[in-house]
Amino acid sequence: MREQTVAMYCVLDDLIRYTRPASTPPPATSRRLTDAQVLTTALVAARFFGGNLVVAKHYLEQHWGQNPLDKSGFTRRLHALADTLYTLFATVGDVLKQLHDEARYVLDSFPVAVCHNTRIPRCKLLRGKAYHGRCASKRSWFYGLKVQVVATSDGIPVEFYLHAGAESEQTGQRGLPLDLPAGSVLYTDAGYTDYAAADMFNEASGSQQQTARRKNSKRPHRPAQVFLLQYFRKGIETCFSQLTARFPKQIHAVTAAGFALKIALFIFAHTLSQAGL
């Protein structure tokens, strides 16, 4: 745990210096915590303490001598750094793409419910039918967000996108940058079937999208393609199992933005863990 904490802080601190323009003024010395310390605390919470920011903050204050900061002040700092967090994840994802010589990726989604279905009328975190989605693989309904994830064939997330649970897979795919190296292969399930979008992606990116076909498909795959789809798509199911195992029984958040931010922290922490940090 100590080694992982040090490694995450060093990587975040270097990435923040690398991604920010040279003209950006340094953080005010009057601040109790640097941006790297705030993000490291949040990632430690997601990786080791089930997303509990208070416990992670107390751990770093007691064992690492980090300057104390009250809970509300820390939460405000963390929310102010949300865009920085997403930028850092994108940077780490780009590095992992360049290191992934196999150039095979898998796109899939998983639901994250904010409450049990019986509590939907009383839910204040999210409101509206847009969040009432259906998980086809589990044949069940949920109320919350859907997470689109692009992972390497080794099961390391390199891109993600959050959207309302009722939106389709194709809508979620359009929210992803899908900035893959030329010559890559992207495997998806039948829920992402959109011939026009797939043709446009193949032509514009120099990569190839292989989507599982339904029985009545106009473009059926050859047996070899079906085998490769089934083989490589198994990895992302393992990735989702490992990722959701980090979630607590219920993700505690006061606002919708805080709920989405905690999901992003869990994904970032899992990516760093799978990358060996």
C-alpha atoms as a PDB file:
ATOM      1  CA  MET A   1       0.000   0.000   0.000  1.00  0.00           C
ATOM      2  CA  ARG A   2       2.836   2.397   0.817  1.00  0.00           C
ATOM      3  CA  GLU A   3       4.612   1.707  -2.478  1.00  0.00           C
ATOM      4  CA  GLN A   4       1.421   2.159  -4.510  1.00  0.00           C
ATOM      5  CA  THR A   5       0.641   5.455  -2.761  1.00  0.00           C
ATOM      6  CA  VAL A   6       4.103   6.843  -3.490  1.00  0.00           C
ATOM      7  CA  ALA A   7       3.957   5.650  -7.101  1.00  0.00           C
ATOM      8  CA  MET A   8       0.547   7.236  -7.701  1.00  0.00           C
ATOM      9  CA  TYR A   9       1.648  10.556  -6.203  1.00  0.00           C
ATOM     10  CA  CYS A  10       4.831  10.681  -8.299  1.00  0.00           C
ATOM     11  CA  VAL A  11       2.972   9.818 -11.509  1.00  0.00           C
ATOM     12  CA  LEU A  12       0.204  12.368 -10.858  1.00  0.00           C
ATOM     13  CA  ASP A  13       2.630  15.115  -9.928  1.00  0.00           C
ATOM     14  CA  ASP A  14       4.686  14.545 -13.093  1.00  0.00           C
ATOM     15  CA  LEU A  15       1.582  14.348 -15.290  1.00  0.00           C
ATOM     16  CA  ILE A  16       0.161  17.574 -13.871  1.00  0.00           C
ATOM     17  CA  ARG A  17       3.436  19.362 -14.650  1.00  0.00           C
ATOM     18  CA  TYR A  18       3.472  17.831 -18.128  1.00  0.00           C
ATOM     19  CA  THR A  19      -0.145  18.547 -19.109  1.00  0.00           C
ATOM     20  CA  ARG A  20      -0.358  22.117 -17.851  1.00  0.00           C
ATOM     21  CA  PRO A  21       0.969  24.861 -20.149  1.00  0.00           C
ATOM     22  CA  ALA A  22       4.201  26.584 -19.181  1.00  0.00           C
ATOM     23  CA  SER A  23       2.318  29.877 -18.823  1.00  0.00           C
ATOM     24  CA  THR A  24       0.086  28.462 -16.071  1.00  0.00           C
ATOM     25  CA  PRO A  25       1.029  30.077 -12.743  1.00  0.00           C
ATOM     26  CA  PRO A  26       2.115  27.712  -9.961  1.00  0.00           C
ATOM     27  CA  PRO A  27      -0.466  26.935  -7.258  1.00  0.00           C
ATOM     28  CA  ALA A  28      -0.685  29.395  -4.388  1.00  0.00           C
ATOM     29  CA  THR A  29       1.652  28.535  -1.527  1.00  0.00           C
ATOM     30  CA  SER A  30      -1.117  29.350   0.922  1.00  0.00           C
ATOM     31  CA  ARG A  31      -2.976  26.200  -0.096  1.00  0.00           C
ATOM     32  CA  ARG A  32      -2.686  23.403   2.404  1.00  0.00           C
ATOM     33  CA  LEU A  33      -2.566  20.687  -0.266  1.00  0.00           C
ATOM     34  CA  THR A  34      -1.193  20.602  -3.788  1.00  0.00           C
ATOM     35  CA  ASP A  35      -3.335  19.355  -6.671  1.00  0.00           C
ATOM     36  CA  ALA A  36      -1.300  16.142  -6.793  1.00  0.00           C
ATOM     37  CA  GLN A  37      -1.951  15.521  -3.084  1.00  0.00           C
ATOM     38  CA  VAL A  38      -5.699  16.046  -3.499  1.00  0.00           C
ATOM     39  CA  LEU A  39      -5.950  13.661  -6.460  1.00  0.00           C
ATOM     40  CA  THR A  40      -3.686  11.100  -4.793  1.00  0.00           C
ATOM     41  CA  THR A  41      -5.908  11.122  -1.701  1.00  0.00           C
ATOM     42  CA  ALA A  42      -8.991  10.567  -3.866  1.00  0.00           C
ATOM     43  CA  LEU A  43      -7.356   7.701  -5.764  1.00  0.00           C
ATOM     44  CA  VAL A  44      -6.147   6.096  -2.534  1.00  0.00           C
ATOM     45  CA  ALA A  45      -9.744   6.259  -1.299  1.00  0.00           C
ATOM     46  CA  ALA A  46     -11.007   4.563  -4.460  1.00  0.00           C
ATOM     47  CA  ARG A  47      -8.310   1.894  -4.469  1.00  0.00           C
ATOM     48  CA  PHE A  48      -8.021   0.926  -0.816  1.00  0.00           C
ATOM     49  CA  PHE A  49     -10.984   2.374   1.137  1.00  0.00           C
ATOM     50  CA  GLY A  50     -14.053   1.811  -1.040  1.00  0.00           C
ATOM     51  CA  GLY A  51     -14.220   5.458  -2.078  1.00  0.00           C
ATOM     52  CA  ASN A  52     -14.323   6.807   1.494  1.00  0.00           C
ATOM     53  CA  LEU A  53     -12.526  10.154   1.182  1.00  0.00           C
ATOM     54  CA  VAL A  54     -12.524  10.869   4.913  1.00  0.00           C
ATOM     55  CA  VAL A  55     -10.711   7.627   5.764  1.00  0.00           C
ATOM     56  CA  ALA A  56      -8.169   8.159   2.976  1.00  0.00           C
ATOM     57  CA  LYS A  57      -7.564  11.740   4.082  1.00  0.00           C
ATOM     58  CA  HIS A  58      -7.051  10.602   7.661  1.00  0.00           C
ATOM     59  CA  TYR A  59      -4.639   7.866   6.506  1.00  0.00           C
ATOM     60  CA  LEU A  60      -2.436  10.303   4.584  1.00  0.00           C
ATOM     61  CA  GLU A  61      -2.493  12.828   7.430  1.00  0.00           C
ATOM     62  CA  GLN A  62      -1.517  10.252  10.064  1.00  0.00           C
ATOM     63  CA  HIS A  63       1.000   8.170   8.100  1.00  0.00           C
ATOM     64  CA  TRP A  64       2.439  10.645   5.630  1.00  0.00           C
ATOM     65  CA  GLY A  65       2.217  13.954   7.481  1.00  0.00           C
ATOM     66  CA  GLN A  66      -0.101  15.516   4.916  1.00  0.00           C
ATOM     67  CA  ASN A  67      -1.504  18.880   5.959  1.00  0.00           C
ATOM     68  CA  PRO A  68      -5.010  18.520   7.409  1.00  0.00           C
ATOM     69  CA  LEU A  69      -7.970  19.928   5.507  1.00  0.00           C
ATOM     70  CA  ASP A  70     -11.624  19.803   6.517  1.00  0.00           C
ATOM     71  CA  LYS A  71     -13.986  17.552   4.595  1.00  0.00           C
ATOM     72  CA  SER A  72     -15.919  20.323   2.843  1.00  0.00           C
ATOM     73  CA  GLY A  73     -12.745  22.110   1.778  1.00  0.00           C
ATOM     74  CA  PHE A  74     -11.256  18.898   0.425  1.00  0.00           C
ATOM     75  CA  THR A  75     -14.452  18.095  -1.497  1.00  0.00           C
ATOM     76  CA  ARG A  76     -14.483  21.550  -3.096  1.00  0.00           C
ATOM     77  CA  ARG A  77     -10.850  21.173  -4.158  1.00  0.00           C
ATOM     78  CA  LEU A  78     -11.548  17.727  -5.606  1.00  0.00           C
ATOM     79  CA  HIS A  79     -14.553  18.908  -7.621  1.00  0.00           C
ATOM     80  CA  ALA A  80     -12.534  21.842  -8.930  1.00  0.00           C
ATOM     81  CA  LEU A  81      -9.958  19.330 -10.213  1.00  0.00           C
ATOM     82  CA  ALA A  82     -12.493  17.129 -12.038  1.00  0.00           C
ATOM     83  CA  ASP A  83     -11.383  18.313 -15.500  1.00  0.00           C
ATOM     84  CA  THR A  84      -7.751  17.801 -14.514  1.00  0.00           C
ATOM     85  CA  LEU A  85      -8.558  14.248 -13.429  1.00  0.00           C
ATOM     86  CA  TYR A  86     -10.180  13.431 -16.782  1.00  0.00           C
ATOM     87  CA  THR A  87      -7.233  14.974 -18.641  1.00  0.00           C
ATOM     88  CA  LEU A  88      -4.752  12.913 -16.644  1.00  0.00           C
ATOM     89  CA  PHE A  89      -6.698   9.722 -17.323  1.00  0.00           C
ATOM     90  CA  ALA A  90      -6.721  10.491 -21.048  1.00  0.00           C
ATOM     91  CA  THR A  91      -2.954  11.038 -20.934  1.00  0.00           C
ATOM     92  CA  VAL A  92      -2.385   7.731 -19.135  1.00  0.00           C
ATOM     93  CA  GLY A  93      -4.715   6.033 -21.624  1.00  0.00           C
ATOM     94  CA  ASP A  94      -2.717   7.398 -24.576  1.00  0.00           C
ATOM     95  CA  VAL A  95       0.504   6.050 -23.065  1.00  0.00           C
ATOM     96  CA  LEU A  96      -1.046   2.617 -22.513  1.00  0.00           C
ATOM     97  CA  LYS A  97      -2.310   2.566 -26.112  1.00  0.00           C
ATOM     98  CA  GLN A  98       1.193   3.192 -27.406  1.00  0.00           C
ATOM     99  CA  LEU A  99       2.551   0.384 -25.219  1.00  0.00           C
ATOM    100  CA  HIS A 100      -0.153  -2.064 -26.311  1.00  0.00           C
ATOM    101  CA  ASP A 101       1.580  -3.706 -29.251  1.00  0.00           C
ATOM    102  CA  GLU A 102      -1.256  -6.156 -29.909  1.00  0.00           C
ATOM    103  CA  ALA A 103      -3.526  -3.207 -30.895  1.00  0.00           C
ATOM    104  CA  ARG A 104      -6.733  -5.051 -30.008  1.00  0.00           C
ATOM    105  CA  TYR A 105      -9.376  -3.257 -27.947  1.00  0.00           C
ATOM    106  CA  VAL A 106     -12.833  -4.098 -26.621  1.00  0.00           C
ATOM    107  CA  LEU A 107     -15.758  -1.724 -26.145  1.00  0.00           C
ATOM    108  CA  ASP A 108     -18.580  -2.571 -23.760  1.00  0.00           C
ATOM    109  CA  SER A 109     -20.674  -0.982 -21.020  1.00  0.00           C
ATOM    110  CA  PHE A 110     -21.894  -1.735 -17.513  1.00  0.00           C
ATOM    111  CA  PRO A 111     -24.604  -0.090 -15.381  1.00  0.00           C
ATOM    112  CA  VAL A 112     -24.108   1.725 -12.087  1.00  0.00           C
ATOM    113  CA  ALA A 113     -27.328   2.134 -10.111  1.00  0.00           C
ATOM    114  CA  VAL A 114     -27.801   5.017  -7.706  1.00  0.00           C
ATOM    115  CA  CYS A 115     -30.504   3.249  -5.706  1.00  0.00           C
ATOM    116  CA  HIS A 116     -32.707   0.175  -5.597  1.00  0.00           C
ATOM    117  CA  ASN A 117     -35.625   0.184  -8.043  1.00  0.00           C
ATOM    118  CA  THR A 118     -38.161   0.447  -5.222  1.00  0.00           C
ATOM    119  CA  ARG A 119     -36.567   3.746  -4.112  1.00  0.00           C
ATOM    120  CA  ILE A 120     -36.680   5.450  -7.528  1.00  0.00           C
ATOM    121  CA  PRO A 121     -39.612   7.787  -6.612  1.00  0.00           C
ATOM    122  CA  ARG A 122     -37.649   9.048  -3.571  1.00  0.00           C
ATOM    123  CA  CYS A 123     -34.271   9.370  -5.294  1.00  0.00           C
ATOM    124  CA  LYS A 124     -32.966  12.947  -5.189  1.00  0.00           C
ATOM    125  CA  LEU A 125     -29.548  12.354  -6.706  1.00  0.00           C
ATOM    126  CA  LEU A 126     -30.874  11.772 -10.232  1.00  0.00           C
ATOM    127  CA  ARG A 127     -34.341  12.543 -11.552  1.00  0.00           C
ATOM    128  CA  GLY A 128     -36.161  11.643 -14.739  1.00  0.00           C
ATOM    129  CA  LYS A 129     -36.871   8.667 -16.969  1.00  0.00           C
ATOM    130  CA  ALA A 130     -33.606   9.259 -18.833  1.00  0.00           C
ATOM    131  CA  TYR A 131     -31.797   7.391 -16.053  1.00  0.00           C
ATOM    132  CA  HIS A 132     -34.114   4.370 -16.043  1.00  0.00           C
ATOM    133  CA  GLY A 133     -32.200   1.912 -18.214  1.00  0.00           C
ATOM    134  CA  ARG A 134     -32.126  -1.787 -18.912  1.00  0.00           C
ATOM    135  CA  CYS A 135     -29.147  -4.120 -18.667  1.00  0.00           C
ATOM    136  CA  ALA A 136     -29.633  -6.674 -21.444  1.00  0.00           C
ATOM    137  CA  SER A 137     -26.993  -9.137 -20.194  1.00  0.00           C
ATOM    138  CA  LYS A 138     -28.607  -9.352 -16.736  1.00  0.00           C
ATOM    139  CA  ARG A 139     -32.160  -8.969 -18.071  1.00  0.00           C
ATOM    140  CA  SER A 140     -32.924  -6.391 -15.403  1.00  0.00           C
ATOM    141  CA  TRP A 141     -33.752  -2.721 -15.050  1.00  0.00           C
ATOM    142  CA  PHE A 142     -31.700  -0.174 -13.128  1.00  0.00           C
ATOM    143  CA  TYR A 143     -31.827   3.506 -12.273  1.00  0.00           C
ATOM    144  CA  GLY A 144     -28.576   5.358 -12.740  1.00  0.00           C
ATOM    145  CA  LEU A 145     -25.701   5.780 -15.188  1.00  0.00           C
ATOM    146  CA  LYS A 146     -24.189   3.608 -17.869  1.00  0.00           C
ATOM    147  CA  VAL A 147     -20.407   3.472 -18.248  1.00  0.00           C
ATOM    148  CA  GLN A 148     -18.894   2.923 -21.678  1.00  0.00           C
ATOM    149  CA  VAL A 149     -15.363   1.516 -21.417  1.00  0.00           C
ATOM    150  CA  VAL A 150     -12.703   0.880 -24.038  1.00  0.00           C
ATOM    151  CA  ALA A 151     -10.175  -1.611 -22.677  1.00  0.00           C
ATOM    152  CA  THR A 152      -7.121  -3.306 -24.114  1.00  0.00           C
ATOM    153  CA  SER A 153      -7.204  -7.024 -24.789  1.00  0.00           C
ATOM    154  CA  ASP A 154      -5.362  -7.345 -21.440  1.00  0.00           C
ATOM    155  CA  GLY A 155      -8.338  -5.781 -19.644  1.00  0.00           C
ATOM    156  CA  ILE A 156      -6.870  -2.323 -18.912  1.00  0.00           C
ATOM    157  CA  PRO A 157      -9.358   0.574 -19.392  1.00  0.00           C
ATOM    158  CA  VAL A 158      -7.962   3.325 -21.628  1.00  0.00           C
ATOM    159  CA  GLU A 159     -11.151   5.332 -22.345  1.00  0.00           C
ATOM    160  CA  PHE A 160     -14.504   5.724 -20.623  1.00  0.00           C
ATOM    161  CA  TYR A 161     -17.663   7.786 -20.913  1.00  0.00           C
ATOM    162  CA  LEU A 162     -20.613   8.207 -18.549  1.00  0.00           C
ATOM    163  CA  HIS A 163     -24.162   8.804 -19.765  1.00  0.00           C
ATOM    164  CA  ALA A 164     -27.771   8.337 -18.697  1.00  0.00           C
ATOM    165  CA  GLY A 165     -28.894   4.744 -18.284  1.00  0.00           C
ATOM    166  CA  ALA A 166     -31.754   4.929 -20.799  1.00  0.00           C
ATOM    167  CA  GLU A 167     -29.511   6.009 -23.682  1.00  0.00           C
ATOM    168  CA  SER A 168     -28.523   3.390 -26.220  1.00  0.00           C
ATOM    169  CA  GLU A 169     -25.107   1.856 -26.712  1.00  0.00           C
ATOM    170  CA  GLN A 170     -24.678   3.712 -30.013  1.00  0.00           C
ATOM    171  CA  THR A 171     -25.311   7.025 -28.250  1.00  0.00           C
ATOM    172  CA  GLY A 172     -22.724   6.160 -25.627  1.00  0.00           C
ATOM    173  CA  GLN A 173     -20.211   5.158 -28.287  1.00  0.00           C
ATOM    174  CA  ARG A 174     -20.530   8.583 -29.910  1.00  0.00           C
ATOM    175  CA  GLY A 175     -19.442  10.168 -26.622  1.00  0.00           C
ATOM    176  CA  LEU A 176     -16.115   8.330 -26.672  1.00  0.00           C
ATOM    177  CA  PRO A 177     -13.088   9.837 -28.437  1.00  0.00           C
ATOM    178  CA  LEU A 178     -12.075   6.390 -29.805  1.00  0.00           C
ATOM    179  CA  ASP A 179      -8.617   7.742 -30.497  1.00  0.00           C
ATOM    180  CA  LEU A 180      -6.960   4.401 -31.221  1.00  0.00           C
ATOM    181  CA  PRO A 181      -3.642   3.858 -33.018  1.00  0.00           C
ATOM    182  CA  ALA A 182      -3.966   3.276 -36.756  1.00  0.00           C
ATOM    183  CA  GLY A 183      -4.384  -0.380 -37.605  1.00  0.00           C
ATOM    184  CA  SER A 184      -6.142  -1.237 -34.346  1.00  0.00           C
ATOM    185  CA  VAL A 185      -9.115  -3.587 -34.077  1.00  0.00           C
ATOM    186  CA  LEU A 186     -12.081  -2.663 -31.878  1.00  0.00           C
ATOM    187  CA  TYR A 187     -14.401  -5.501 -30.807  1.00  0.00           C
ATOM    188  CA  THR A 188     -17.972  -4.725 -29.714  1.00  0.00           C
ATOM    189  CA  ASP A 189     -21.130  -6.689 -29.047  1.00  0.00           C
ATOM    190  CA  ALA A 190     -24.317  -6.644 -31.112  1.00  0.00           C
ATOM    191  CA  GLY A 191     -25.734  -3.687 -29.183  1.00  0.00           C
ATOM    192  CA  TYR A 192     -23.337  -1.387 -31.044  1.00  0.00           C
ATOM    193  CA  THR A 193     -24.602  -2.402 -34.486  1.00  0.00           C
ATOM    194  CA  ASP A 194     -24.600   0.692 -36.695  1.00  0.00           C
ATOM    195  CA  TYR A 195     -23.290  -0.020 -40.157  1.00  0.00           C
ATOM    196  CA  ALA A 196     -22.959   3.620 -41.203  1.00  0.00           C
ATOM    197  CA  ALA A 197     -21.112   4.637 -38.023  1.00  0.00           C
ATOM    198  CA  ALA A 198     -18.811   1.615 -38.258  1.00  0.00           C
ATOM    199  CA  ASP A 199     -17.942   2.377 -41.882  1.00  0.00           C
ATOM    200  CA  MET A 200     -17.233   6.000 -40.987  1.00  0.00           C
ATOM    201  CA  PHE A 201     -15.026   4.958 -38.059  1.00  0.00           C
ATOM    202  CA  ASN A 202     -13.048   2.513 -40.212  1.00  0.00           C
ATOM    203  CA  GLU A 203     -12.484   5.085 -42.935  1.00  0.00           C
ATOM    204  CA  ALA A 204     -11.611   8.023 -40.680  1.00  0.00           C
ATOM    205  CA  SER A 205      -9.404   6.266 -38.128  1.00  0.00           C
ATOM    206  CA  GLY A 206      -7.573   3.672 -40.169  1.00  0.00           C
ATOM    207  CA  SER A 207      -8.734   1.093 -37.616  1.00  0.00           C
ATOM    208  CA  GLN A 208     -11.381  -1.598 -37.873  1.00  0.00           C
ATOM    209  CA  GLN A 209     -14.516  -2.123 -35.790  1.00  0.00           C
ATOM    210  CA  GLN A 210     -15.644  -5.723 -35.478  1.00  0.00           C
ATOM    211  CA  THR A 211     -19.200  -5.923 -34.109  1.00  0.00           C
ATOM    212  CA  ALA A 212     -20.924  -9.154 -33.144  1.00  0.00           C
ATOM    213  CA  ARG A 213     -23.778  -9.867 -35.533  1.00  0.00           C
ATOM    214  CA  ARG A 214     -27.337 -10.876 -34.844  1.00  0.00           C
ATOM    215  CA  LYS A 215     -28.852 -13.875 -36.598  1.00  0.00           C
ATOM    216  CA  ASN A 216     -30.715 -11.677 -39.120  1.00  0.00           C
ATOM    217  CA  SER A 217     -27.694  -9.461 -39.852  1.00  0.00           C
ATOM    218  CA  LYS A 218     -27.140  -8.219 -43.399  1.00  0.00           C
ATOM    219  CA  ARG A 219     -23.376  -8.486 -42.892  1.00  0.00           C
ATOM    220  CA  PRO A 220     -22.704 -11.873 -41.257  1.00  0.00           C
ATOM    221  CA  HIS A 221     -19.190 -12.678 -40.076  1.00  0.00           C
ATOM    222  CA  ARG A 222     -17.039 -15.587 -41.123  1.00  0.00           C
ATOM    223  CA  PRO A 223     -16.497 -18.316 -38.496  1.00  0.00           C
ATOM    224  CA  ALA A 224     -12.947 -17.094 -37.831  1.00  0.00           C
ATOM    225  CA  GLN A 225     -14.223 -13.575 -37.075  1.00  0.00           C
ATOM    226  CA  VAL A 226     -16.914 -14.960 -34.758  1.00  0.00           C
ATOM    227  CA  PHE A 227     -14.264 -16.910 -32.829  1.00  0.00           C
ATOM    228  CA  LEU A 228     -12.014 -13.841 -32.408  1.00  0.00           C
ATOM    229  CA  LEU A 229     -14.952 -11.735 -31.225  1.00  0.00           C
ATOM    230  CA  GLN A 230     -15.952 -14.272 -28.618  1.00  0.00           C
ATOM    231  CA  TYR A 231     -12.358 -14.809 -27.492  1.00  0.00           C
ATOM    232  CA  PHE A 232     -11.343 -11.180 -26.999  1.00  0.00           C
ATOM    233  CA  ARG A 233     -14.661 -10.002 -25.545  1.00  0.00           C
ATOM    234  CA  LYS A 234     -14.230 -12.352 -22.573  1.00  0.00           C
ATOM    235  CA  GLY A 235     -11.452 -10.123 -21.241  1.00  0.00           C
ATOM    236  CA  ILE A 236     -13.661  -7.103 -20.699  1.00  0.00           C
ATOM    237  CA  GLU A 237     -16.118  -9.128 -18.637  1.00  0.00           C
ATOM    238  CA  THR A 238     -13.233  -9.982 -16.314  1.00  0.00           C
ATOM    239  CA  CYS A 239     -12.240  -6.301 -16.317  1.00  0.00           C
ATOM    240  CA  PHE A 240     -15.754  -5.261 -15.270  1.00  0.00           C
ATOM    241  CA  SER A 241     -15.830  -7.880 -12.509  1.00  0.00           C
ATOM    242  CA  GLN A 242     -12.534  -6.627 -11.081  1.00  0.00           C
ATOM    243  CA  LEU A 243     -13.569  -2.999 -11.468  1.00  0.00           C
ATOM    244  CA  THR A 244     -16.991  -3.291  -9.820  1.00  0.00           C
ATOM    245  CA  ALA A 245     -15.426  -5.333  -7.012  1.00  0.00           C
ATOM    246  CA  ARG A 246     -13.802  -2.069  -5.912  1.00  0.00           C
ATOM    247  CA  PHE A 247     -17.211  -0.403  -5.567  1.00  0.00           C
ATOM    248  CA  PRO A 248     -18.827  -0.283  -2.132  1.00  0.00           C
ATOM    249  CA  LYS A 249     -22.306  -1.662  -1.696  1.00  0.00           C
ATOM    250  CA  GLN A 250     -23.605   1.841  -2.377  1.00  0.00           C
ATOM    251  CA  ILE A 251     -21.561   4.744  -3.740  1.00  0.00           C
ATOM    252  CA  HIS A 252     -22.096   7.663  -1.375  1.00  0.00           C
ATOM    253  CA  ALA A 253     -22.507  11.032  -3.083  1.00  0.00           C
ATOM    254  CA  VAL A 254     -24.523  14.179  -2.464  1.00  0.00           C
ATOM    255  CA  THR A 255     -24.697  15.437  -6.055  1.00  0.00           C
ATOM    256  CA  ALA A 256     -24.855  13.823  -9.483  1.00  0.00           C
ATOM    257  CA  ALA A 257     -21.466  15.340 -10.334  1.00  0.00           C
ATOM    258  CA  GLY A 258     -19.978  13.798  -7.193  1.00  0.00           C
ATOM    259  CA  PHE A 259     -21.466  10.415  -8.085  1.00  0.00           C
ATOM    260  CA  ALA A 260     -19.932  10.536 -11.579  1.00  0.00           C
ATOM    261  CA  LEU A 261     -16.609  11.735 -10.156  1.00  0.00           C
ATOM    262  CA  LYS A 262     -16.384   8.761  -7.800  1.00  0.00           C
ATOM    263  CA  ILE A 263     -17.025   6.347 -10.677  1.00  0.00           C
ATOM    264  CA  ALA A 264     -14.210   8.043 -12.619  1.00  0.00           C
ATOM    265  CA  LEU A 265     -11.902   7.659  -9.609  1.00  0.00           C
ATOM    266  CA  PHE A 266     -12.643   3.936  -9.378  1.00  0.00           C
ATOM    267  CA  ILE A 267     -11.876   3.482 -13.086  1.00  0.00           C
ATOM    268  CA  PHE A 268      -8.654   5.531 -12.844  1.00  0.00           C
ATOM    269  CA  ALA A 269      -7.497   3.627  -9.759  1.00  0.00           C
ATOM    270  CA  HIS A 270      -8.212   0.307 -11.462  1.00  0.00           C
ATOM    271  CA  THR A 271      -6.281   1.362 -14.572  1.00  0.00           C
ATOM    272  CA  LEU A 272      -3.239   2.361 -12.493  1.00  0.00           C
ATOM    273  CA  SER A 273      -3.444  -0.909 -10.576  1.00  0.00           C
ATOM    274  CA  GLN A 274      -3.621  -3.005 -13.747  1.00  0.00           C
ATOM    275  CA  ALA A 275      -0.757  -0.996 -15.250  1.00  0.00           C
ATOM    276  CA  GLY A 276       1.445  -2.019 -12.326  1.00  0.00           C
ATOM    277  CA  LEU A 277       1.369   1.117 -10.146  1.00  0.00           C
END
